[in-house]
Protein backbone atom coordinates (compact mmCIF):
# COMPACT_ATOMS: atom_id res chain seq x y z
CA MET A 1 116.40 90.93 113.23
CA SER A 2 120.18 91.01 113.06
CA LYS A 3 122.04 94.21 113.87
CA LYS A 4 123.45 94.46 110.36
CA ARG A 5 120.03 94.10 108.77
CA ARG A 6 118.59 96.69 111.17
CA GLU A 7 121.35 99.15 110.25
CA ARG A 8 120.66 98.62 106.55
CA LEU A 9 116.93 99.23 107.07
CA ILE A 10 117.61 102.50 108.90
CA ALA A 11 120.14 103.63 106.29
CA GLY A 12 117.85 102.71 103.41
CA LEU A 13 114.85 104.58 104.75
CA THR A 14 117.06 107.55 105.60
CA LEU A 15 118.28 107.70 102.00
CA ILE A 16 114.75 107.36 100.65
CA GLY A 17 113.57 110.18 102.92
CA MET A 18 116.53 112.30 101.87
CA GLY A 19 115.78 111.71 98.19
CA ILE A 20 112.11 112.60 98.59
CA GLY A 21 113.06 115.68 100.60
CA TRP A 22 115.55 116.72 97.94
CA ALA A 23 112.93 116.34 95.23
CA PHE A 24 110.63 118.71 97.13
CA GLY A 25 113.38 121.15 98.10
CA GLN A 26 113.25 120.13 101.77
CA LEU A 27 116.33 117.98 102.28
CA VAL A 28 116.70 118.18 106.07
CA PRO A 29 113.05 117.46 106.97
CA GLY A 30 113.02 114.57 104.51
CA LEU A 31 116.20 113.22 106.08
CA PHE A 32 114.74 113.32 109.59
CA ILE A 33 111.46 111.77 108.47
CA GLY A 34 113.33 108.92 106.76
CA LEU A 35 115.52 108.39 109.82
CA GLY A 36 112.51 108.33 112.12
CA LEU A 37 110.69 105.86 109.89
CA GLY A 38 113.79 103.67 109.83
CA TYR A 39 113.95 103.47 113.61
CA ILE A 40 110.21 102.87 113.92
CA ALA A 41 110.28 100.11 111.29
CA SER A 42 113.30 98.39 112.84
CA GLU A 43 111.72 98.42 116.30
CA PHE A 44 108.43 97.15 114.90
CA LEU A 45 110.16 94.25 113.16
CA LYS A 46 112.24 93.50 116.26
CA GLU A 47 109.09 93.33 118.42
CA LYS A 48 107.31 91.19 115.83
CA ARG A 49 110.16 88.68 115.87
CA ARG A 50 110.06 88.32 119.67
CA GLN A 51 106.44 87.13 119.58
């Protein structure tokens, strides 16, 4: 996975988490959950590509 694509994945999931958090009145937790999911997903895809 290219660095640019990885950055976009992290940013996209962060924004999705922020939007969901905002909808439920919990912006900061939603932001951190989205950021965490972005890093986990990017690492998962990076590991999958190595195999």
